[in-house]
Amino acid sequence: MRAQVTVTVAEAKRIIARAIAALPEVKQALQNGRILLKGGTTVSAVAEELAGITLRISGRVSPRGTKTGRGDGAAHSILLEKGVPRNIDDCFAEAVSTLGPSDVAIIGANAIDASGRAAIMLGRTLGGEPGKGLAGLMAQGCKVIIACGLEKLIPGSVDEAVRCSGIRGTDWSMGMAVGLVPLVGKIVTEKEALEIIARVKCVVIGKGGIDGAEGSTTMVVEGEPEEVEKAVLAVLAVKGTGTSGSPASLLECEAGSEGCRVHQACAWKHGKKGVLEWYVR
C-alpha cells in the first residue's frame, strides 16, 4: 500500500521528536541512564516528549538572519538522569564528561548534506558554554542522535560550508556571524522518523511549498496497510502544530540586546530604525 503525505517544517520536527522518543536506546537511557539534550526547536520538541518541558531557544534563523533570542528562566540544555531533568546551562561540559556508552546525547543541526554529514552553527567565541563541550561530546563514546529536518539539507558539502564560514572572518552579516562545527552521530530526519514509527519505506518526492508550507517535505510512504496507516496517523497527529520552545525565548533579539556585546558583524547593530544598511567596518 502507498500513501502520500506532506509535512511542514514544524510538523516534521514533532514527528522527529516522537520517533526519537521511541528509539530503544533512548527508552533504555530514559529509564536507567542519562540523556543530554542541547537546546534548539527540534530538541525542545524531544524534551516535550521525554520530560514534558520546553527548552529555551537561543540561536535561530529568522527572516532577519542568524539571530538569538531573549533570555528567560527556562533551561537551554538539560540532562535527564533516569528521567529527571536538570538544568546544565552553566555546566554543559561537565555534564558531557559524565556520559558513557549506555547514555544518549541529542543535538540539532543547521546543515546536513547528501553524504550524511552534519554541522551546527555557533555564534559566540568557543560556542559559549555548549561549545566548550561539543568536542568532548563527539569523543565521549555515548550515543549521539542528530535531530534535524530535511529543511537543513544543503546543496554542497558540509566540509565546504565549514571552510567558508567563520565568526571572525565575516565582514557583514544579517544577524550574528556564525561558524560551523561538524557533528557525527545518527541523523534522524522526517524520512527516518516515519520509518522508525512504522515499518514502512519513505521516499521524498518533493520539497517546499507556499502559504506556510515553505520548506515542507512531501513523501511517499509504502508498506503493509496497517503500517502505512500507522505512519499516516502519526502525520495527522501533528498537523497544524507550532514551534517548540519556551514562549519568551521564541522572541528574537533586537539591537542593543545583551548578545550584541559578543556577536560579530551583525548589521542590525548599525541599522537605523530597524532597517538594514550596507557598510564596511
Protein backbone atom coordinates (compact mmCIF):
# COMPACT_ATOMS: atom_id res chain seq x y z
CA MET A 1 0.00 0.00 0.00
CA ARG A 2 1.14 3.54 -0.72
CA ALA A 3 0.21 6.87 0.81
CA GLN A 4 1.45 10.37 0.02
CA VAL A 5 1.94 12.83 2.88
CA THR A 6 3.19 16.39 3.25
CA VAL A 7 4.64 17.75 6.49
CA THR A 8 5.57 21.34 7.22
CA VAL A 9 8.85 22.23 8.91
CA ALA A 10 7.18 22.49 12.33
CA GLU A 11 5.29 19.24 11.82
CA ALA A 12 8.47 17.46 10.74
CA LYS A 13 10.14 18.50 14.00
CA ARG A 14 7.32 16.96 16.03
CA ILE A 15 7.46 13.72 14.06
CA ILE A 16 11.24 13.57 14.51
CA ALA A 17 10.80 14.10 18.25
CA ARG A 18 8.24 11.32 18.57
CA ALA A 19 10.42 8.93 16.60
CA ILE A 20 13.50 9.69 18.71
CA ALA A 21 11.48 9.12 21.88
CA ALA A 22 10.55 5.68 20.51
CA LEU A 23 14.13 4.55 19.83
CA PRO A 24 15.20 1.58 22.02
CA GLU A 25 18.44 3.27 23.08
CA VAL A 26 16.54 6.37 24.15
CA LYS A 27 13.96 4.38 26.11
CA GLN A 28 16.75 2.49 27.87
CA ALA A 29 18.66 5.66 28.75
CA LEU A 30 15.48 7.36 29.96
CA GLN A 31 14.85 4.55 32.44
CA ASN A 32 18.35 3.62 33.54
CA GLY A 33 20.85 6.20 32.30
CA ARG A 34 21.35 9.76 31.14
CA ILE A 35 20.06 11.73 28.18
CA LEU A 36 21.64 15.08 27.33
CA LEU A 37 19.54 17.47 25.27
CA LYS A 38 21.20 20.53 23.74
CA GLY A 39 18.57 23.20 23.08
CA GLY A 40 17.01 24.02 19.72
CA THR A 41 13.45 23.89 18.43
CA THR A 42 13.63 20.25 17.32
CA VAL A 43 15.38 19.14 20.50
CA SER A 44 12.86 21.16 22.53
CA ALA A 45 10.16 19.04 20.90
CA VAL A 46 12.12 15.96 22.02
CA ALA A 47 12.25 17.38 25.56
CA GLU A 48 8.47 17.74 25.45
CA GLU A 49 8.15 14.07 24.51
CA LEU A 50 10.61 12.81 27.13
CA ALA A 51 10.13 15.18 30.06
CA GLY A 52 7.08 17.32 29.33
CA ILE A 53 9.08 20.57 29.25
CA THR A 54 10.14 23.05 26.59
CA LEU A 55 13.67 24.42 26.27
CA ARG A 56 14.90 27.99 25.93
CA ILE A 57 15.70 28.72 22.29
CA SER A 58 18.93 30.63 21.80
CA GLY A 59 20.22 30.90 18.23
CA ARG A 60 17.80 30.67 15.34
CA VAL A 61 17.50 31.63 11.67
CA SER A 62 14.61 34.01 11.05
CA PRO A 63 13.71 36.31 8.15
CA ARG A 64 16.12 38.79 9.78
CA GLY A 65 19.02 36.33 9.59
CA THR A 66 21.02 34.43 12.18
CA LYS A 67 19.60 35.82 15.39
CA THR A 68 19.42 34.91 19.05
CA GLY A 69 16.54 35.03 21.49
CA ARG A 70 15.53 36.88 24.60
CA GLY A 71 16.50 35.26 27.86
CA ASP A 72 14.04 33.72 30.27
CA GLY A 73 14.23 31.32 33.17
CA ALA A 74 13.96 28.14 31.11
CA ALA A 75 16.92 25.83 30.54
CA HIS A 76 18.56 25.76 27.13
CA SER A 77 20.22 22.38 27.74
CA ILE A 78 19.19 19.69 30.20
CA LEU A 79 20.42 16.34 31.46
CA LEU A 80 17.81 13.68 32.15
CA GLU A 81 19.06 11.29 34.83
CA LYS A 82 16.65 8.35 34.96
CA GLY A 83 14.04 10.69 33.55
CA VAL A 84 14.59 13.55 35.99
CA PRO A 85 15.61 16.82 34.25
CA ARG A 86 18.47 19.03 35.44
CA ASN A 87 19.50 22.40 34.00
CA ILE A 88 23.08 22.17 32.69
CA ASP A 89 23.38 25.61 31.10
CA ASP A 90 26.26 26.53 33.40
CA CYS A 91 27.94 23.12 33.39
CA PHE A 92 27.43 21.69 29.89
CA ALA A 93 31.00 20.41 29.52
CA GLU A 94 30.91 18.85 32.99
CA ALA A 95 27.64 17.09 32.13
CA VAL A 96 29.17 15.77 28.91
CA SER A 97 32.02 14.27 30.94
CA THR A 98 29.55 12.07 32.85
CA LEU A 99 28.18 10.36 29.74
CA GLY A 100 29.06 6.77 28.95
CA PRO A 101 28.32 4.15 26.27
CA SER A 102 24.79 3.49 27.51
CA ASP A 103 23.88 7.19 27.58
CA VAL A 104 22.45 9.33 24.78
CA ALA A 105 23.09 12.89 23.63
CA ILE A 106 20.51 14.57 21.39
CA ILE A 107 21.51 17.66 19.46
CA GLY A 108 20.17 19.59 16.49
CA ALA A 109 22.00 20.69 13.35
CA ASN A 110 21.89 23.63 10.97
CA ALA A 111 23.25 21.83 7.94
CA ILE A 112 23.25 18.28 6.61
CA ASP A 113 24.48 17.09 3.23
CA ALA A 114 23.78 14.21 0.88
CA SER A 115 26.75 12.28 2.30
CA GLY A 116 25.26 12.18 5.79
CA ARG A 117 27.49 14.87 7.27
CA ALA A 118 26.07 17.39 9.73
CA ALA A 119 27.16 20.66 11.34
CA ILE A 120 25.85 23.14 13.87
CA MET A 121 26.17 26.94 13.83
CA LEU A 122 27.96 28.70 16.68
CA GLY A 123 27.77 32.48 17.07
CA ARG A 124 29.93 33.10 20.14
CA THR A 125 33.63 32.64 20.71
CA LEU A 126 34.21 28.98 21.64
CA GLY A 127 30.50 28.44 21.09
CA GLY A 128 29.59 29.72 24.52
CA GLU A 129 29.14 27.16 27.29
CA PRO A 130 27.75 24.40 24.99
CA GLY A 131 30.57 24.90 22.50
CA LYS A 132 33.12 24.02 25.15
CA GLY A 133 31.61 20.56 25.47
CA LEU A 134 30.88 19.71 21.83
CA ALA A 135 34.32 18.32 21.01
CA GLY A 136 34.20 16.23 24.15
CA LEU A 137 30.72 15.04 23.26
CA MET A 138 31.95 13.63 19.96
CA ALA A 139 34.78 11.82 21.78
CA GLN A 140 32.90 10.66 24.86
CA GLY A 141 31.64 7.37 23.42
CA CYS A 142 27.97 7.97 24.13
CA LYS A 143 25.28 7.54 21.50
CA VAL A 144 24.79 10.81 19.61
CA ILE A 145 21.49 11.45 17.86
CA ILE A 146 21.24 14.42 15.50
CA ALA A 147 17.65 15.64 15.27
CA CYS A 148 17.42 17.56 12.02
CA GLY A 149 14.72 18.11 9.43
CA LEU A 150 15.34 17.88 5.70
CA GLU A 151 14.87 21.66 5.55
CA LYS A 152 18.54 21.77 6.63
CA LEU A 153 19.80 19.81 3.59
CA ILE A 154 22.39 21.94 1.76
CA PRO A 155 23.30 21.54 -1.93
CA GLY A 156 27.05 21.34 -1.36
CA SER A 157 29.12 19.56 1.25
CA VAL A 158 29.27 20.26 4.96
CA ASP A 159 33.06 20.32 4.65
CA GLU A 160 32.85 23.22 2.19
CA ALA A 161 30.34 25.05 4.39
CA VAL A 162 32.63 24.71 7.41
CA ARG A 163 35.56 26.11 5.43
CA CYS A 164 33.56 29.09 4.14
CA SER A 165 32.03 30.20 7.44
CA GLY A 166 33.57 31.88 10.46
CA ILE A 167 32.67 34.19 13.31
CA ARG A 168 35.74 36.38 12.82
CA GLY A 169 36.06 36.05 9.06
CA THR A 170 32.77 37.71 8.11
CA ASP A 171 32.60 41.48 7.48
CA TRP A 172 28.82 41.99 7.20
CA SER A 173 26.07 39.70 8.36
CA MET A 174 22.28 39.60 8.63
CA GLY A 175 22.40 38.77 12.31
CA MET A 176 25.43 37.44 14.13
CA ALA A 177 28.23 35.97 12.03
CA VAL A 178 28.49 32.23 12.64
CA GLY A 179 30.93 29.42 12.21
CA LEU A 180 30.08 25.76 11.73
CA VAL A 181 31.22 22.81 13.84
CA PRO A 182 30.90 19.29 12.36
CA LEU A 183 28.77 16.75 14.21
CA VAL A 184 28.93 12.98 13.99
CA GLY A 185 26.00 10.80 15.01
CA LYS A 186 22.78 9.14 13.94
CA ILE A 187 20.82 11.64 11.85
CA VAL A 188 17.04 11.45 12.19
CA THR A 189 15.05 13.47 9.65
CA GLU A 190 11.33 13.23 8.99
CA LYS A 191 12.06 10.45 6.49
CA GLU A 192 13.86 8.28 9.03
CA ALA A 193 11.31 9.29 11.66
CA LEU A 194 8.37 7.73 9.83
CA GLU A 195 10.48 4.64 9.17
CA ILE A 196 11.08 4.39 12.93
CA ILE A 197 7.44 4.94 13.84
CA ALA A 198 6.19 2.32 11.37
CA ARG A 199 7.68 -0.49 9.29
CA VAL A 200 7.47 1.46 6.04
CA LYS A 201 9.73 2.78 3.32
CA CYS A 202 9.63 6.54 2.80
CA VAL A 203 10.77 8.29 -0.36
CA VAL A 204 10.95 12.07 -0.52
CA ILE A 205 9.36 13.17 -3.78
CA GLY A 206 9.26 16.94 -3.31
CA LYS A 207 10.38 19.85 -1.17
CA GLY A 208 8.92 23.26 -0.49
CA GLY A 209 5.54 24.87 -0.95
CA ILE A 210 3.52 28.03 -0.34
CA ASP A 211 1.15 29.52 2.25
CA GLY A 212 3.02 28.14 5.24
CA ALA A 213 4.37 25.03 3.54
CA GLU A 214 7.69 26.66 2.61
CA GLY A 215 10.40 24.11 3.41
CA SER A 216 7.86 21.30 3.64
CA THR A 217 8.56 17.69 2.70
CA THR A 218 6.31 15.55 0.53
CA MET A 219 6.88 11.81 0.84
CA VAL A 220 5.50 8.55 -0.47
CA VAL A 221 5.07 6.01 2.32
CA GLU A 222 4.96 2.35 1.30
CA GLY A 223 4.37 -0.84 3.27
CA GLU A 224 1.73 -3.17 4.63
CA PRO A 225 -1.65 -1.43 5.06
CA GLU A 226 -1.54 -1.42 8.87
CA GLU A 227 1.99 0.03 8.88
CA VAL A 228 1.15 2.71 6.31
CA GLU A 229 -1.88 3.59 8.41
CA LYS A 230 0.36 3.94 11.47
CA ALA A 231 2.66 6.34 9.61
CA VAL A 232 -0.20 8.42 8.23
CA LEU A 233 -1.84 8.66 11.65
CA ALA A 234 1.48 9.91 13.06
CA VAL A 235 1.44 12.69 10.46
CA LEU A 236 -2.19 13.56 11.11
CA ALA A 237 -1.49 13.74 14.85
CA VAL A 238 0.91 16.67 14.40
CA LYS A 239 -0.96 18.59 11.70
CA GLY A 240 -1.07 22.29 12.46
CA THR A 241 1.48 22.10 15.27
CA GLY A 242 3.61 25.10 16.19
CA THR A 243 7.27 25.62 17.05
CA SER A 244 8.51 24.16 20.33
CA GLY A 245 10.36 26.35 22.81
CA SER A 246 9.76 28.39 25.95
CA PRO A 247 7.45 31.25 24.88
CA ALA A 248 9.64 34.21 25.85
CA SER A 249 12.71 32.75 24.14
CA LEU A 250 10.89 32.48 20.81
CA LEU A 251 11.03 36.30 20.63
CA GLU A 252 14.25 37.30 18.89
CA CYS A 253 16.86 39.82 19.92
CA GLU A 254 16.96 43.47 18.87
CA ALA A 255 19.77 46.00 18.54
CA GLY A 256 21.16 46.81 21.96
CA SER A 257 20.43 43.39 23.40
CA GLU A 258 22.90 41.65 25.70
CA GLY A 259 24.20 39.46 22.89
CA CYS A 260 25.37 42.49 20.90
CA ARG A 261 28.47 42.60 23.14
CA VAL A 262 29.73 39.25 21.88
CA HIS A 263 28.16 38.77 18.45
CA GLN A 264 30.30 39.76 15.48
CA ALA A 265 29.48 41.63 12.23
CA CYS A 266 25.74 41.91 12.92
CA ALA A 267 24.37 44.58 10.57
CA TRP A 268 21.32 45.11 12.78
CA LYS A 269 23.57 46.86 15.30
CA HIS A 270 24.11 49.66 12.78
CA GLY A 271 20.72 49.73 11.07
CA LYS A 272 18.61 52.85 11.54
CA LYS A 273 15.07 52.33 12.81
CA GLY A 274 15.31 48.62 12.15
CA VAL A 275 16.37 48.97 8.51
CA LEU A 276 19.46 47.12 7.29
CA GLU A 277 22.15 49.12 5.54
CA TRP A 278 25.33 48.09 3.78
CA TYR A 279 28.50 49.21 5.48
CA VAL A 280 32.12 48.10 5.71
CA ARG A 281 33.54 48.04 9.21
